[in-house]
Amino acid sequence: MEISHRKDERGASAVEYGLLVFAIAAVIALVVFALGNVVSETYSDSCSTLASKASPGAC
């Protein structure tokens, strides 16, 4: 009679998925912080340009 000893790796895979989610969230946060000012300035510039050529209160 053979007894198979298998390791229970469910906890390990849960930790791996958790690390993967953390890494993806960290990348998203870095991109938002890195590009946040650029997007804000671009939006402000385009809004100013449109406001100068459109009716008051357009943006």
PDB file of N, CA and C in Angstrom:
ATOM      1  N   MET A   1       0.845  -1.164   0.000  1.00  0.00           N
ATOM      2  CA  MET A   1       0.000   0.000   0.000  1.00  0.00           C
ATOM      3  C   MET A   1       0.901   1.240   0.000  1.00  0.00           C
ATOM      4  N   GLU A   2       0.714   2.057  -1.021  1.00  0.00           N
ATOM      5  CA  GLU A   2       1.510   3.282  -1.128  1.00  0.00           C
ATOM      6  C   GLU A   2       0.730   4.461  -0.569  1.00  0.00           C
ATOM      7  N   ILE A   3       1.431   5.252   0.177  1.00  0.00           N
ATOM      8  CA  ILE A   3       0.827   6.469   0.708  1.00  0.00           C
ATOM      9  C   ILE A   3       1.514   7.644   0.028  1.00  0.00           C
ATOM     10  N   SER A   4       0.723   8.440  -0.604  1.00  0.00           N
ATOM     11  CA  SER A   4       1.256   9.602  -1.313  1.00  0.00           C
ATOM     12  C   SER A   4       1.271  10.802  -0.373  1.00  0.00           C
ATOM     13  N   HIS A   5       2.435  11.381  -0.241  1.00  0.00           N
ATOM     14  CA  HIS A   5       2.565  12.575   0.594  1.00  0.00           C
ATOM     15  C   HIS A   5       2.669  13.790  -0.318  1.00  0.00           C
ATOM     16  N   ARG A   6       1.588  14.488  -0.430  1.00  0.00           N
ATOM     17  CA  ARG A   6       1.576  15.707  -1.248  1.00  0.00           C
ATOM     18  C   ARG A   6       1.585  16.904  -0.328  1.00  0.00           C
ATOM     19  N   LYS A   7       2.330  17.886  -0.734  1.00  0.00           N
ATOM     20  CA  LYS A   7       2.345  19.126   0.037  1.00  0.00           C
ATOM     21  C   LYS A   7       1.104  19.930  -0.314  1.00  0.00           C
ATOM     22  N   ASP A   8       0.548  20.545   0.665  1.00  0.00           N
ATOM     23  CA  ASP A   8      -0.592  21.420   0.427  1.00  0.00           C
ATOM     24  C   ASP A   8      -0.044  22.789   0.036  1.00  0.00           C
ATOM     25  N   GLU A   9      -0.167  23.132  -1.231  1.00  0.00           N
ATOM     26  CA  GLU A   9       0.414  24.371  -1.749  1.00  0.00           C
ATOM     27  C   GLU A   9      -0.624  25.458  -1.983  1.00  0.00           C
ATOM     28  N   ARG A  10      -1.801  25.283  -1.424  1.00  0.00           N
ATOM     29  CA  ARG A  10      -2.831  26.303  -1.629  1.00  0.00           C
ATOM     30  C   ARG A  10      -2.434  27.628  -1.001  1.00  0.00           C
ATOM     31  N   GLY A  11      -1.827  27.602   0.141  1.00  0.00           N
ATOM     32  CA  GLY A  11      -1.392  28.833   0.799  1.00  0.00           C
ATOM     33  C   GLY A  11      -0.301  29.537   0.024  1.00  0.00           C
ATOM     34  N   ALA A  12       0.600  28.750  -0.564  1.00  0.00           N
ATOM     35  CA  ALA A  12       1.689  29.332  -1.347  1.00  0.00           C
ATOM     36  C   ALA A  12       1.149  30.034  -2.584  1.00  0.00           C
ATOM     37  N   SER A  13       0.185  29.422  -3.245  1.00  0.00           N
ATOM     38  CA  SER A  13      -0.359  30.068  -4.444  1.00  0.00           C
ATOM     39  C   SER A  13      -1.144  31.328  -4.075  1.00  0.00           C
ATOM     40  N   ALA A  14      -1.788  31.332  -2.923  1.00  0.00           N
ATOM     41  CA  ALA A  14      -2.506  32.533  -2.485  1.00  0.00           C
ATOM     42  C   ALA A  14      -1.523  33.669  -2.223  1.00  0.00           C
ATOM     43  N   VAL A  15      -0.385  33.348  -1.639  1.00  0.00           N
ATOM     44  CA  VAL A  15       0.638  34.366  -1.396  1.00  0.00           C
ATOM     45  C   VAL A  15       1.178  34.885  -2.715  1.00  0.00           C
ATOM     46  N   GLU A  16       1.392  34.004  -3.671  1.00  0.00           N
ATOM     47  CA  GLU A  16       1.889  34.429  -4.984  1.00  0.00           C
ATOM     48  C   GLU A  16       0.897  35.358  -5.673  1.00  0.00           C
ATOM     49  N   TYR A  17      -0.380  35.031  -5.602  1.00  0.00           N
ATOM     50  CA  TYR A  17      -1.389  35.915  -6.194  1.00  0.00           C
ATOM     51  C   TYR A  17      -1.428  37.257  -5.467  1.00  0.00           C
ATOM     52  N   GLY A  18      -1.276  37.233  -4.174  1.00  0.00           N
ATOM     53  CA  GLY A  18      -1.243  38.479  -3.411  1.00  0.00           C
ATOM     54  C   GLY A  18      -0.070  39.356  -3.803  1.00  0.00           C
ATOM     55  N   LEU A  19       1.101  38.747  -3.980  1.00  0.00           N
ATOM     56  CA  LEU A  19       2.273  39.508  -4.419  1.00  0.00           C
ATOM     57  C   LEU A  19       2.081  40.065  -5.818  1.00  0.00           C
ATOM     58  N   LEU A  20       1.444  39.292  -6.678  1.00  0.00           N
ATOM     59  CA  LEU A  20       1.177  39.755  -8.040  1.00  0.00           C
ATOM     60  C   LEU A  20       0.233  40.955  -8.029  1.00  0.00           C
ATOM     61  N   VAL A  21      -0.813  40.889  -7.237  1.00  0.00           N
ATOM     62  CA  VAL A  21      -1.756  42.011  -7.130  1.00  0.00           C
ATOM     63  C   VAL A  21      -1.055  43.241  -6.559  1.00  0.00           C
ATOM     64  N   PHE A  22      -0.205  43.041  -5.552  1.00  0.00           N
ATOM     65  CA  PHE A  22       0.543  44.149  -4.966  1.00  0.00           C
ATOM     66  C   PHE A  22       1.469  44.787  -5.993  1.00  0.00           C
ATOM     67  N   ALA A  23       2.152  43.968  -6.790  1.00  0.00           N
ATOM     68  CA  ALA A  23       3.073  44.499  -7.800  1.00  0.00           C
ATOM     69  C   ALA A  23       2.321  45.304  -8.853  1.00  0.00           C
ATOM     70  N   ILE A  24       1.176  44.809  -9.294  1.00  0.00           N
ATOM     71  CA  ILE A  24       0.380  45.528 -10.292  1.00  0.00           C
ATOM     72  C   ILE A  24      -0.116  46.852  -9.712  1.00  0.00           C
ATOM     73  N   ALA A  25      -0.577  46.835  -8.469  1.00  0.00           N
ATOM     74  CA  ALA A  25      -1.044  48.070  -7.824  1.00  0.00           C
ATOM     75  C   ALA A  25       0.094  49.074  -7.672  1.00  0.00           C
ATOM     76  N   ALA A  26       1.287  48.594  -7.358  1.00  0.00           N
ATOM     77  CA  ALA A  26       2.436  49.490  -7.215  1.00  0.00           C
ATOM     78  C   ALA A  26       2.796  50.136  -8.543  1.00  0.00           C
ATOM     79  N   VAL A  27       2.744  49.367  -9.624  1.00  0.00           N
ATOM     80  CA  VAL A  27       3.042  49.919 -10.950  1.00  0.00           C
ATOM     81  C   VAL A  27       1.999  50.964 -11.329  1.00  0.00           C
ATOM     82  N   ILE A  28       0.739  50.677 -11.078  1.00  0.00           N
ATOM     83  CA  ILE A  28      -0.325  51.638 -11.390  1.00  0.00           C
ATOM     84  C   ILE A  28      -0.127  52.923 -10.585  1.00  0.00           C
ATOM     85  N   ALA A  29       0.197  52.796  -9.305  1.00  0.00           N
ATOM     86  CA  ALA A  29       0.415  53.982  -8.470  1.00  0.00           C
ATOM     87  C   ALA A  29       1.595  54.801  -8.979  1.00  0.00           C
ATOM     88  N   LEU A  30       2.676  54.143  -9.366  1.00  0.00           N
ATOM     89  CA  LEU A  30       3.837  54.862  -9.890  1.00  0.00           C
ATOM     90  C   LEU A  30       3.504  55.599 -11.184  1.00  0.00           C
ATOM     91  N   VAL A  31       2.744  54.964 -12.059  1.00  0.00           N
ATOM     92  CA  VAL A  31       2.366  55.604 -13.321  1.00  0.00           C
ATOM     93  C   VAL A  31       1.477  56.810 -13.055  1.00  0.00           C
ATOM     94  N   VAL A  32       0.533  56.671 -12.140  1.00  0.00           N
ATOM     95  CA  VAL A  32      -0.364  57.790 -11.825  1.00  0.00           C
ATOM     96  C   VAL A  32       0.421  58.964 -11.241  1.00  0.00           C
ATOM     97  N   PHE A  33       1.344  58.680 -10.320  1.00  0.00           N
ATOM     98  CA  PHE A  33       2.143  59.761  -9.740  1.00  0.00           C
ATOM     99  C   PHE A  33       3.082  60.380 -10.766  1.00  0.00           C
ATOM    100  N   ALA A  34       3.632  59.563 -11.653  1.00  0.00           N
ATOM    101  CA  ALA A  34       4.574  60.076 -12.650  1.00  0.00           C
ATOM    102  C   ALA A  34       3.871  60.902 -13.718  1.00  0.00           C
ATOM    103  N   LEU A  35       2.698  60.471 -14.153  1.00  0.00           N
ATOM    104  CA  LEU A  35       2.008  61.149 -15.250  1.00  0.00           C
ATOM    105  C   LEU A  35       0.907  62.091 -14.784  1.00  0.00           C
ATOM    106  N   GLY A  36       0.626  62.121 -13.507  1.00  0.00           N
ATOM    107  CA  GLY A  36      -0.468  62.949 -12.996  1.00  0.00           C
ATOM    108  C   GLY A  36      -0.305  64.418 -13.306  1.00  0.00           C
ATOM    109  N   ASN A  37       0.878  64.970 -13.060  1.00  0.00           N
ATOM    110  CA  ASN A  37       1.106  66.391 -13.319  1.00  0.00           C
ATOM    111  C   ASN A  37       1.072  66.700 -14.806  1.00  0.00           C
ATOM    112  N   VAL A  38       1.600  65.806 -15.616  1.00  0.00           N
ATOM    113  CA  VAL A  38       1.608  66.027 -17.065  1.00  0.00           C
ATOM    114  C   VAL A  38       0.182  66.085 -17.593  1.00  0.00           C
ATOM    115  N   VAL A  39      -0.644  65.162 -17.165  1.00  0.00           N
ATOM    116  CA  VAL A  39      -2.037  65.140 -17.613  1.00  0.00           C
ATOM    117  C   VAL A  39      -2.778  66.371 -17.103  1.00  0.00           C
ATOM    118  N   SER A  40      -2.539  66.755 -15.870  1.00  0.00           N
ATOM    119  CA  SER A  40      -3.195  67.930 -15.300  1.00  0.00           C
ATOM    120  C   SER A  40      -2.810  69.199 -16.053  1.00  0.00           C
ATOM    121  N   GLU A  41      -1.522  69.356 -16.354  1.00  0.00           N
ATOM    122  CA  GLU A  41      -1.068  70.538 -17.093  1.00  0.00           C
ATOM    123  C   GLU A  41      -1.631  70.557 -18.510  1.00  0.00           C
ATOM    124  N   THR A  42      -1.669  69.406 -19.157  1.00  0.00           N
ATOM    125  CA  THR A  42      -2.220  69.332 -20.511  1.00  0.00           C
ATOM    126  C   THR A  42      -3.698  69.696 -20.504  1.00  0.00           C
ATOM    127  N   TYR A  43      -4.432  69.187 -19.521  1.00  0.00           N
ATOM    128  CA  TYR A  43      -5.848  69.508 -19.417  1.00  0.00           C
ATOM    129  C   TYR A  43      -6.045  70.999 -19.166  1.00  0.00           C
ATOM    130  N   SER A  44      -5.254  71.575 -18.289  1.00  0.00           N
ATOM    131  CA  SER A  44      -5.372  73.007 -17.989  1.00  0.00           C
ATOM    132  C   SER A  44      -5.052  73.859 -19.211  1.00  0.00           C
ATOM    133  N   ASP A  45      -4.005  73.485 -19.949  1.00  0.00           N
ATOM    134  CA  ASP A  45      -3.645  74.230 -21.157  1.00  0.00           C
ATOM    135  C   ASP A  45      -4.747  74.161 -22.203  1.00  0.00           C
ATOM    136  N   SER A  46      -5.286  72.961 -22.416  1.00  0.00           N
ATOM    137  CA  SER A  46      -6.344  72.832 -23.422  1.00  0.00           C
ATOM    138  C   SER A  46      -7.608  73.548 -22.972  1.00  0.00           C
ATOM    139  N   CYS A  47      -7.897  73.509 -21.690  1.00  0.00           N
ATOM    140  CA  CYS A  47      -9.067  74.211 -21.169  1.00  0.00           C
ATOM    141  C   CYS A  47      -8.903  75.718 -21.325  1.00  0.00           C
ATOM    142  N   SER A  48      -7.708  76.227 -21.059  1.00  0.00           N
ATOM    143  CA  SER A  48      -7.451  77.662 -21.215  1.00  0.00           C
ATOM    144  C   SER A  48      -7.587  78.084 -22.668  1.00  0.00           C
ATOM    145  N   THR A  49      -7.086  77.259 -23.569  1.00  0.00           N
ATOM    146  CA  THR A  49      -7.186  77.566 -24.995  1.00  0.00           C
ATOM    147  C   THR A  49      -8.638  77.583 -25.443  1.00  0.00           C
ATOM    148  N   LEU A  50      -9.394  76.596 -25.010  1.00  0.00           N
ATOM    149  CA  LEU A  50     -10.808  76.547 -25.382  1.00  0.00           C
ATOM    150  C   LEU A  50     -11.587  77.692 -24.744  1.00  0.00           C
ATOM    151  N   ALA A  51     -11.262  78.027 -23.515  1.00  0.00           N
ATOM    152  CA  ALA A  51     -11.983  79.093 -22.821  1.00  0.00           C
ATOM    153  C   ALA A  51     -11.734  80.447 -23.469  1.00  0.00           C
ATOM    154  N   SER A  52     -10.548  80.640 -24.000  1.00  0.00           N
ATOM    155  CA  SER A  52     -10.258  81.924 -24.633  1.00  0.00           C
ATOM    156  C   SER A  52     -10.984  82.072 -25.967  1.00  0.00           C
ATOM    157  N   LYS A  53     -11.366  80.962 -26.574  1.00  0.00           N
ATOM    158  CA  LYS A  53     -12.039  81.018 -27.872  1.00  0.00           C
ATOM    159  C   LYS A  53     -13.528  80.725 -27.779  1.00  0.00           C
ATOM    160  N   ALA A  54     -13.989  80.294 -26.625  1.00  0.00           N
ATOM    161  CA  ALA A  54     -15.396  79.941 -26.455  1.00  0.00           C
ATOM    162  C   ALA A  54     -16.053  80.932 -25.500  1.00  0.00           C
ATOM    163  N   SER A  55     -17.279  80.646 -25.182  1.00  0.00           N
ATOM    164  CA  SER A  55     -18.014  81.518 -24.265  1.00  0.00           C
ATOM    165  C   SER A  55     -17.449  81.385 -22.847  1.00  0.00           C
ATOM    166  N   PRO A  56     -17.643  82.388 -22.019  1.00  0.00           N
ATOM    167  CA  PRO A  56     -17.135  82.331 -20.638  1.00  0.00           C
ATOM    168  C   PRO A  56     -17.734  81.149 -19.870  1.00  0.00           C
ATOM    169  N   GLY A  57     -16.928  80.523 -19.055  1.00  0.00           N
ATOM    170  CA  GLY A  57     -17.394  79.394 -18.251  1.00  0.00           C
ATOM    171  C   GLY A  57     -17.469  78.094 -19.011  1.00  0.00           C
ATOM    172  N   ALA A  58     -16.750  77.984 -20.125  1.00  0.00           N
ATOM    173  CA  ALA A  58     -16.817  76.762 -20.926  1.00  0.00           C
ATOM    174  C   ALA A  58     -16.161  75.585 -20.221  1.00  0.00           C
ATOM    175  N   CYS A  59     -15.135  75.841 -19.437  1.00  0.00           N
ATOM    176  CA  CYS A  59     -14.446  74.733 -18.755  1.00  0.00           C
ATOM    177  C   CYS A  59     -14.908  74.702 -17.345  1.00  0.00           C
TER     178      CYS A  59
END
